[in-house]
Amino acid sequence: MSQLTIEDYREVAPKGTVDFICRLAERAKGRRFLHVNATRYGGGVAEILHRLIPIMNDLQVEARWEVIVGTPAFYSSVRSLQRALQGMEQVITEEMLETYLATNADNARRLPLHGDVVMIHDPQPLALIEHRPSEGRWLWRSHGDLARPQRRAWTFLRRYAVRYDATVFSLPRFAQPLPIPQYLIHPSIDPLSDKNRRLGRQEIDAILDRLQVPRDKPILLQVSRFERFKDPLGVINAFRMARKHNDCRLVLAGGGAPDDPEGQAVLAEVREAAGRDPDIHVLELPPDAHLEINALQRAATIVIQKSTREGFGLAVSEAMWKGKPVVGGAVGGLLVQIVHDVTGYLVNSPEGTAFWIRHLLNNPELISRMGGAGREHVRRNFLITRHLSDYLTLLARLVA
């Protein structure tokens, strides 16, 4: 796909949005906006940055993106820290913390960290603040849920968070009390990316044939990493309850880090639970399987996101952009994406999930109506154009 510009979004964004962004960009023109995170590929943060950076540069904002690197010991340490921040009980050793700080120091020596505004994403590069240049404003952008973190992990990381000029959270409930300004910015999807652009029927059929997913009956779909917070086993239980009354098939599609032993263990549990059931398809997809996810979401009748804990969960907005009702867990960012009884249903159990799946399958006109409402909800709130205007507003404010 050729490089997109802001003009390409006039037909999909709400009326007047592109003109508003161009006016905002005039106030930020020539400013240097640096993003730093821990991965170039895989995950919502990387997907968003891949799309935002070129458009900001097209608007004559000097946007850059750097990535920290580390040893397997570093990645193991930050995985434990991230899980602890989500409230999971983790063993955090002094050796892990020393590895974390040493890796941040190594990257600070390697990376050019100069900018008018520097946005540090998530906990992995948080300690770079110890090595900030004298110029520029530094923001910590936390994408996860910090509502109930493990105390030891948050006490350690908080000493670095408070040294930033401000923080940015995805939801008010994700934040922690901090003595610095805090901003609220929802994540977003790009409607023109391979994961979300329009696909023809033949293209969808060809991809599903390659994935060996028949379209002979309604498809229930969950797209997520194979981890316990996504509750794939609960989805299988809900599907089997619903199938007793409505013939349908289930697709569980996702992936995970190959060096994440827990992810591989969850995937093995899911495959064991699915057994030889011909109506359950477990698809392990690579991080760049954007067209495959697009086709699966467009082929689905109902999309499920039965998380028991969630950061934001942009797979919900992706599905709603394609006109699909979503049955999702009443947690995290799903609470602002799914409007109960308007764009889908919020649930707390496999039984509730099965109930609303059956309700939708028995009322096809409701599927269509909810799908249309969901697409418009995403258009107004969760497209990359809104995200871009938030970042430009923040940039202009901080460098004024």
Protein backbone atom coordinates (compact mmCIF):
# COMPACT_ATOMS: atom_id res chain seq x y z
CA MET A 1 0.00 0.00 0.00
CA SER A 2 1.31 3.47 -0.89
CA GLN A 3 2.00 5.98 1.86
CA LEU A 4 -1.24 7.53 3.12
CA THR A 5 -1.73 11.24 3.80
CA ILE A 6 -4.32 13.00 5.91
CA GLU A 7 -6.36 13.74 2.78
CA ASP A 8 -7.05 10.01 2.33
CA TYR A 9 -9.20 10.07 5.48
CA ARG A 10 -11.80 12.64 4.35
CA GLU A 11 -14.25 9.96 3.24
CA VAL A 12 -14.12 7.88 6.42
CA ALA A 13 -13.67 10.41 9.26
CA PRO A 14 -16.53 12.56 10.59
CA LYS A 15 -17.18 15.67 8.51
CA GLY A 16 -14.77 18.51 9.24
CA THR A 17 -12.22 16.33 11.02
CA VAL A 18 -9.46 16.57 8.40
CA ASP A 19 -9.75 20.37 8.16
CA PHE A 20 -9.55 20.60 11.95
CA ILE A 21 -6.42 18.42 11.99
CA CYS A 22 -4.75 20.60 9.36
CA ARG A 23 -5.39 23.71 11.46
CA LEU A 24 -3.97 21.99 14.55
CA ALA A 25 -0.91 20.91 12.58
CA GLU A 26 -0.13 24.55 11.75
CA ARG A 27 0.39 25.18 15.46
CA ALA A 28 2.76 22.19 15.78
CA LYS A 29 4.60 22.53 12.46
CA GLY A 30 8.35 21.95 12.73
CA ARG A 31 8.17 20.59 16.27
CA ARG A 32 10.00 17.36 17.11
CA PHE A 33 7.82 14.58 18.53
CA LEU A 34 9.71 11.43 19.59
CA HIS A 35 8.04 8.13 20.56
CA VAL A 36 9.91 5.34 22.37
CA ASN A 37 8.54 1.86 23.02
CA ALA A 38 9.82 -1.72 23.28
CA THR A 39 8.79 -3.31 19.98
CA ARG A 40 8.54 -2.40 16.32
CA TYR A 41 6.03 -5.13 15.45
CA GLY A 42 3.20 -6.88 17.25
CA GLY A 43 0.74 -5.30 19.67
CA GLY A 44 -1.56 -2.31 19.47
CA VAL A 45 1.05 0.32 20.36
CA ALA A 46 3.31 -0.62 17.45
CA GLU A 47 0.35 -0.78 15.05
CA ILE A 48 -0.75 2.73 16.02
CA LEU A 49 2.75 4.20 15.73
CA HIS A 50 3.28 2.63 12.31
CA ARG A 51 0.24 4.56 11.09
CA LEU A 52 0.57 7.82 13.05
CA ILE A 53 4.24 8.64 12.44
CA PRO A 54 4.04 8.99 8.61
CA ILE A 55 0.89 11.11 8.76
CA MET A 56 2.43 13.47 11.33
CA ASN A 57 5.49 13.89 9.13
CA ASP A 58 3.23 14.58 6.15
CA LEU A 59 1.71 17.37 8.29
CA GLN A 60 5.27 18.74 8.76
CA VAL A 61 5.57 17.63 12.37
CA GLU A 62 9.00 16.02 12.79
CA ALA A 63 7.84 12.68 14.26
CA ARG A 64 10.32 9.90 15.08
CA TRP A 65 10.09 6.46 16.66
CA GLU A 66 12.85 4.66 18.57
CA VAL A 67 12.74 1.16 20.08
CA ILE A 68 14.65 -0.08 23.12
CA VAL A 69 16.31 -3.51 22.95
CA GLY A 70 17.44 -5.91 25.65
CA THR A 71 18.43 -9.43 26.60
CA PRO A 72 16.01 -12.31 27.24
CA ALA A 73 16.48 -11.59 30.97
CA PHE A 74 15.26 -8.03 30.41
CA TYR A 75 12.14 -9.14 28.50
CA SER A 76 11.38 -11.73 31.17
CA SER A 77 11.73 -9.06 33.86
CA VAL A 78 9.43 -6.55 32.14
CA ARG A 79 6.82 -9.24 31.48
CA SER A 80 6.72 -9.90 35.21
CA LEU A 81 6.52 -6.17 35.91
CA GLN A 82 3.68 -5.74 33.43
CA ARG A 83 1.70 -8.61 34.92
CA ALA A 84 2.30 -7.23 38.41
CA LEU A 85 0.97 -3.85 37.27
CA GLN A 86 -2.18 -5.62 36.06
CA GLY A 87 -2.66 -7.05 39.54
CA MET A 88 -1.22 -10.54 39.07
CA GLU A 89 0.92 -11.75 41.96
CA GLN A 90 4.51 -11.96 40.67
CA VAL A 91 7.91 -12.60 42.22
CA ILE A 92 9.97 -9.46 41.56
CA THR A 93 13.61 -9.97 42.54
CA GLU A 94 16.39 -7.41 43.00
CA GLU A 95 18.24 -9.05 40.11
CA MET A 96 15.25 -8.43 37.81
CA LEU A 97 15.11 -4.75 38.80
CA GLU A 98 18.85 -4.35 38.28
CA THR A 99 18.56 -5.91 34.81
CA TYR A 100 15.69 -3.55 34.01
CA LEU A 101 17.64 -0.43 35.05
CA ALA A 102 20.87 -1.52 33.36
CA THR A 103 19.03 -2.13 30.06
CA ASN A 104 17.39 1.28 30.22
CA ALA A 105 20.79 2.88 30.86
CA ASP A 106 22.34 1.01 27.91
CA ASN A 107 19.55 2.18 25.61
CA ALA A 108 19.83 5.76 26.85
CA ARG A 109 23.46 5.78 25.69
CA ARG A 110 22.49 4.29 22.32
CA LEU A 111 19.33 6.18 21.39
CA PRO A 112 18.95 9.83 20.28
CA LEU A 113 16.43 11.02 22.88
CA HIS A 114 16.11 14.64 21.80
CA GLY A 115 12.73 16.17 21.00
CA ASP A 116 10.38 19.00 21.86
CA VAL A 117 8.05 16.33 23.24
CA VAL A 118 9.23 12.79 24.07
CA MET A 119 6.53 10.17 24.67
CA ILE A 120 7.71 7.03 26.49
CA HIS A 121 5.28 4.12 26.02
CA ASP A 122 4.53 1.64 28.82
CA PRO A 123 6.85 0.36 31.59
CA GLN A 124 9.68 -1.11 29.51
CA PRO A 125 11.47 2.20 28.75
CA LEU A 126 10.09 4.12 31.75
CA ALA A 127 13.50 4.46 33.49
CA LEU A 128 14.93 6.33 30.49
CA ILE A 129 13.77 9.43 32.37
CA GLU A 130 16.95 9.14 34.45
CA HIS A 131 18.93 10.02 31.34
CA ARG A 132 16.74 12.70 29.75
CA PRO A 133 18.43 15.62 27.98
CA SER A 134 17.96 19.09 29.42
CA GLU A 135 15.60 20.13 26.59
CA GLY A 136 12.07 18.97 25.83
CA ARG A 137 8.99 17.85 27.72
CA TRP A 138 8.73 14.16 28.62
CA LEU A 139 5.42 12.23 28.83
CA TRP A 140 4.83 8.71 30.08
CA ARG A 141 2.11 7.03 27.99
CA SER A 142 0.71 4.08 29.98
CA HIS A 143 -1.57 1.86 27.88
CA GLY A 144 -2.36 -0.70 30.58
CA ASP A 145 -4.64 -0.96 33.58
CA LEU A 146 -2.89 0.34 36.72
CA ALA A 147 -6.02 0.37 38.87
CA ARG A 148 -4.87 -2.42 41.22
CA PRO A 149 -1.15 -3.00 40.74
CA GLN A 150 1.02 -5.22 42.90
CA ARG A 151 2.49 -2.83 45.44
CA ARG A 152 6.17 -3.76 45.09
CA ALA A 153 6.15 -3.33 41.31
CA TRP A 154 4.29 -0.01 41.36
CA THR A 155 6.39 1.40 44.23
CA PHE A 156 9.50 0.70 42.17
CA LEU A 157 8.17 2.15 38.91
CA ARG A 158 6.42 5.12 40.50
CA ARG A 159 9.74 6.71 41.47
CA TYR A 160 10.43 7.11 37.74
CA ALA A 161 6.87 8.01 36.69
CA VAL A 162 6.78 11.05 38.99
CA ARG A 163 9.85 12.52 37.24
CA TYR A 164 7.94 12.99 33.99
CA ASP A 165 6.31 16.28 33.05
CA ALA A 166 2.93 14.53 32.59
CA THR A 167 1.31 11.14 32.03
CA VAL A 168 -1.21 9.91 29.48
CA PHE A 169 -3.70 7.12 30.27
CA SER A 170 -6.32 5.39 28.11
CA LEU A 171 -9.07 5.49 30.75
CA PRO A 172 -9.58 7.39 34.02
CA ARG A 173 -9.91 4.11 35.94
CA PHE A 174 -6.47 3.01 34.69
CA ALA A 175 -4.65 5.89 36.39
CA GLN A 176 -2.83 6.13 39.70
CA PRO A 177 -2.60 9.28 41.86
CA LEU A 178 0.51 11.16 40.73
CA PRO A 179 1.73 14.71 41.52
CA ILE A 180 1.99 15.62 37.81
CA PRO A 181 -0.61 16.51 35.13
CA GLN A 182 -2.50 13.56 33.65
CA TYR A 183 -4.14 13.41 30.21
CA LEU A 184 -6.74 11.00 28.79
CA ILE A 185 -6.33 9.69 25.23
CA HIS A 186 -8.13 6.62 23.89
CA PRO A 187 -6.23 4.35 21.49
CA SER A 188 -7.52 4.07 17.93
CA ILE A 189 -7.75 1.97 14.78
CA ASP A 190 -6.76 2.96 11.25
CA PRO A 191 -9.75 2.35 8.91
CA LEU A 192 -7.45 2.33 5.86
CA SER A 193 -4.90 -0.23 7.14
CA ASP A 194 -4.81 -3.79 5.83
CA LYS A 195 -6.50 -4.91 9.04
CA ASN A 196 -9.50 -2.63 8.53
CA ARG A 197 -9.79 -1.64 4.85
CA ARG A 198 -12.63 -2.92 2.70
CA LEU A 199 -12.27 -6.44 1.32
CA GLY A 200 -14.21 -7.97 -1.55
CA ARG A 201 -16.18 -11.17 -1.12
CA GLN A 202 -13.75 -13.14 -3.29
CA GLU A 203 -10.77 -11.93 -1.22
CA ILE A 204 -12.51 -12.89 2.02
CA ASP A 205 -13.44 -16.34 0.67
CA ALA A 206 -9.90 -16.97 -0.57
CA ILE A 207 -8.40 -16.14 2.84
CA LEU A 208 -10.91 -18.29 4.74
CA ASP A 209 -10.30 -21.18 2.35
CA ARG A 210 -6.57 -20.88 3.04
CA LEU A 211 -7.27 -20.87 6.81
CA GLN A 212 -9.62 -23.85 6.33
CA VAL A 213 -12.60 -22.11 7.92
CA PRO A 214 -15.89 -23.02 6.17
CA ARG A 215 -18.69 -20.44 5.86
CA ASP A 216 -21.56 -22.94 5.95
CA LYS A 217 -22.96 -21.71 9.28
CA PRO A 218 -22.73 -18.62 11.53
CA ILE A 219 -19.18 -17.90 12.71
CA LEU A 220 -18.43 -16.78 16.26
CA LEU A 221 -14.98 -15.21 16.43
CA GLN A 222 -12.55 -14.12 19.11
CA VAL A 223 -9.30 -12.44 18.02
CA SER A 224 -6.81 -12.14 20.88
CA ARG A 225 -3.50 -13.28 22.24
CA PHE A 226 -3.62 -16.70 23.86
CA GLU A 227 -3.47 -15.62 27.50
CA ARG A 228 -5.59 -16.29 30.54
CA PHE A 229 -7.01 -12.75 30.81
CA LYS A 230 -8.66 -13.28 27.39
CA ASP A 231 -10.45 -16.38 28.80
CA PRO A 232 -10.40 -18.54 25.64
CA LEU A 233 -11.54 -21.57 27.66
CA GLY A 234 -14.57 -19.57 28.82
CA VAL A 235 -15.31 -18.75 25.18
CA ILE A 236 -15.25 -22.46 24.29
CA ASN A 237 -17.65 -23.19 27.16
CA ALA A 238 -20.00 -20.40 26.03
CA PHE A 239 -19.90 -21.65 22.44
CA ARG A 240 -20.82 -25.19 23.47
CA MET A 241 -23.76 -23.89 25.51
CA ALA A 242 -25.00 -21.77 22.60
CA ARG A 243 -24.53 -24.56 20.04
CA LYS A 244 -27.00 -26.77 21.89
CA HIS A 245 -29.72 -24.49 20.51
CA ASN A 246 -28.13 -22.74 17.48
CA ASP A 247 -25.87 -24.44 14.95
CA CYS A 248 -22.69 -22.38 14.61
CA ARG A 249 -18.90 -22.64 14.58
CA LEU A 250 -16.22 -20.97 16.68
CA VAL A 251 -12.90 -19.47 15.55
CA LEU A 252 -10.25 -18.54 18.11
CA ALA A 253 -7.54 -16.60 16.27
CA GLY A 254 -4.46 -14.97 17.71
CA GLY A 255 -0.85 -15.37 18.61
CA GLY A 256 1.71 -14.42 21.20
CA ALA A 257 5.40 -14.08 21.81
CA PRO A 258 7.21 -17.32 20.94
CA ASP A 259 9.42 -16.88 23.99
CA ASP A 260 6.42 -16.51 26.33
CA PRO A 261 6.01 -19.92 28.00
CA GLU A 262 2.66 -19.01 29.54
CA GLY A 263 1.23 -18.09 26.12
CA GLN A 264 2.32 -21.41 24.70
CA ALA A 265 0.82 -23.20 27.71
CA VAL A 266 -2.54 -21.42 27.24
CA LEU A 267 -2.53 -22.29 23.53
CA ALA A 268 -1.94 -25.96 24.43
CA GLU A 269 -4.85 -25.84 26.91
CA VAL A 270 -7.12 -24.30 24.26
CA ARG A 271 -6.23 -26.98 21.72
CA GLU A 272 -6.87 -29.69 24.30
CA ALA A 273 -10.26 -28.17 25.18
CA ALA A 274 -11.19 -27.91 21.50
CA GLY A 275 -10.22 -31.55 20.99
CA ARG A 276 -11.41 -32.93 17.65
CA ASP A 277 -14.52 -30.75 17.55
CA PRO A 278 -14.95 -29.92 13.83
CA ASP A 279 -16.78 -26.69 14.69
CA ILE A 280 -13.90 -25.19 16.73
CA HIS A 281 -10.97 -23.70 14.81
CA VAL A 282 -7.88 -22.62 16.75
CA LEU A 283 -5.67 -20.45 14.53
CA GLU A 284 -2.19 -19.38 15.63
CA LEU A 285 -1.43 -16.32 13.49
CA PRO A 286 1.82 -14.37 13.03
CA PRO A 287 1.97 -10.71 14.18
CA ASP A 288 1.58 -9.43 10.60
CA ALA A 289 -1.58 -11.43 9.77
CA HIS A 290 -3.57 -8.24 9.25
CA LEU A 291 -5.50 -9.31 6.14
CA GLU A 292 -6.35 -12.64 7.77
CA ILE A 293 -7.82 -10.90 10.82
CA ASN A 294 -9.71 -8.48 8.57
CA ALA A 295 -11.24 -11.33 6.58
CA LEU A 296 -12.17 -13.31 9.69
CA GLN A 297 -13.86 -10.30 11.29
CA ARG A 298 -15.79 -9.54 8.10
CA ALA A 299 -16.88 -13.18 7.76
CA ALA A 300 -17.97 -13.45 11.40
CA THR A 301 -21.61 -13.19 12.41
CA ILE A 302 -20.81 -12.25 16.02
CA VAL A 303 -17.48 -11.22 17.53
CA ILE A 304 -16.59 -12.17 21.11
CA GLN A 305 -14.06 -10.52 23.40
CA LYS A 306 -14.62 -12.32 26.68
CA SER A 307 -11.75 -10.73 28.60
CA THR A 308 -11.66 -10.96 32.38
CA ARG A 309 -9.11 -8.13 32.48
CA GLU A 310 -8.28 -5.80 29.61
CA GLY A 311 -6.19 -2.81 28.67
CA PHE A 312 -8.23 -1.29 25.89
CA GLY A 313 -8.92 -4.16 23.49
CA LEU A 314 -8.92 -2.52 20.06
CA ALA A 315 -10.07 -5.78 18.45
CA VAL A 316 -13.54 -4.64 19.57
CA SER A 317 -13.36 -1.40 17.58
CA GLU A 318 -11.94 -3.32 14.61
CA ALA A 319 -14.95 -5.64 14.67
CA MET A 320 -17.50 -2.86 15.13
CA TRP A 321 -15.95 -0.90 12.24
CA LYS A 322 -16.83 -3.93 10.10
CA GLY A 323 -20.44 -3.80 11.28
CA LYS A 324 -20.31 -6.65 13.78
CA PRO A 325 -22.04 -6.78 17.19
CA VAL A 326 -19.63 -7.65 20.00
CA VAL A 327 -20.26 -9.71 23.13
CA GLY A 328 -17.46 -8.75 25.50
CA GLY A 329 -16.34 -8.79 29.11
CA ALA A 330 -17.42 -5.87 31.29
CA VAL A 331 -13.84 -4.79 31.94
CA GLY A 332 -11.27 -2.14 30.97
CA GLY A 333 -11.59 -0.39 27.64
CA LEU A 334 -14.42 -2.68 26.56
CA LEU A 335 -16.72 -0.64 28.80
CA VAL A 336 -16.30 2.45 26.61
CA GLN A 337 -16.31 0.63 23.28
CA ILE A 338 -19.32 -1.65 23.79
CA VAL A 339 -22.53 0.25 24.49
CA HIS A 340 -24.70 -2.42 26.12
CA ASP A 341 -27.82 -3.24 24.09
CA VAL A 342 -26.77 -0.72 21.40
CA THR A 343 -23.52 -1.97 19.83
CA GLY A 344 -23.32 -5.31 21.66
CA TYR A 345 -23.53 -6.83 25.12
CA LEU A 346 -21.31 -6.72 28.21
CA VAL A 347 -20.97 -10.00 30.10
CA ASN A 348 -19.36 -11.49 33.20
CA SER A 349 -19.69 -15.25 32.65
CA PRO A 350 -19.76 -17.98 29.99
CA GLU A 351 -23.47 -18.40 30.69
CA GLY A 352 -24.15 -14.72 29.99
CA THR A 353 -22.02 -14.92 26.86
CA ALA A 354 -23.99 -17.91 25.58
CA PHE A 355 -27.31 -16.18 26.36
CA TRP A 356 -26.52 -13.09 24.29
CA ILE A 357 -25.02 -15.14 21.45
CA ARG A 358 -28.28 -17.07 21.20
CA HIS A 359 -30.29 -13.86 21.44
CA LEU A 360 -28.41 -12.38 18.49
CA LEU A 361 -28.52 -15.55 16.38
CA ASN A 362 -32.28 -15.68 16.91
CA ASN A 363 -32.70 -12.02 15.88
CA PRO A 364 -30.75 -11.40 12.65
CA GLU A 365 -32.28 -7.93 12.20
CA LEU A 366 -30.74 -6.99 15.57
CA ILE A 367 -27.31 -8.10 14.33
CA SER A 368 -27.61 -5.68 11.41
CA ARG A 369 -28.88 -2.79 13.54
CA MET A 370 -26.20 -3.21 16.21
CA GLY A 371 -23.53 -3.52 13.54
CA GLY A 372 -24.51 -0.17 12.03
CA ALA A 373 -24.58 1.51 15.45
CA GLY A 374 -21.17 0.05 16.29
CA ARG A 375 -19.57 1.33 13.08
CA GLU A 376 -20.83 4.85 13.75
CA HIS A 377 -19.66 4.69 17.39
CA VAL A 378 -16.17 3.83 16.18
CA ARG A 379 -16.23 6.53 13.49
CA ARG A 380 -16.93 9.21 16.10
CA ASN A 381 -14.64 7.98 18.85
CA PHE A 382 -11.95 5.45 17.93
CA LEU A 383 -10.50 6.29 14.51
CA ILE A 384 -6.88 7.32 14.01
CA THR A 385 -8.00 10.84 13.00
CA ARG A 386 -9.31 11.51 16.52
CA HIS A 387 -6.10 10.08 17.98
CA LEU A 388 -4.05 12.33 15.71
CA SER A 389 -5.97 15.43 16.75
CA ASP A 390 -5.43 14.51 20.44
CA TYR A 391 -1.67 14.17 19.94
CA LEU A 392 -1.39 17.41 17.94
CA THR A 393 -3.38 19.26 20.61
CA LEU A 394 -1.10 17.87 23.32
CA LEU A 395 2.03 18.73 21.34
CA ALA A 396 0.88 22.28 20.69
CA ARG A 397 -0.08 22.77 24.35
CA LEU A 398 3.19 21.46 25.75
CA VAL A 399 5.45 23.51 23.47
CA ALA A 400 3.38 26.71 23.54
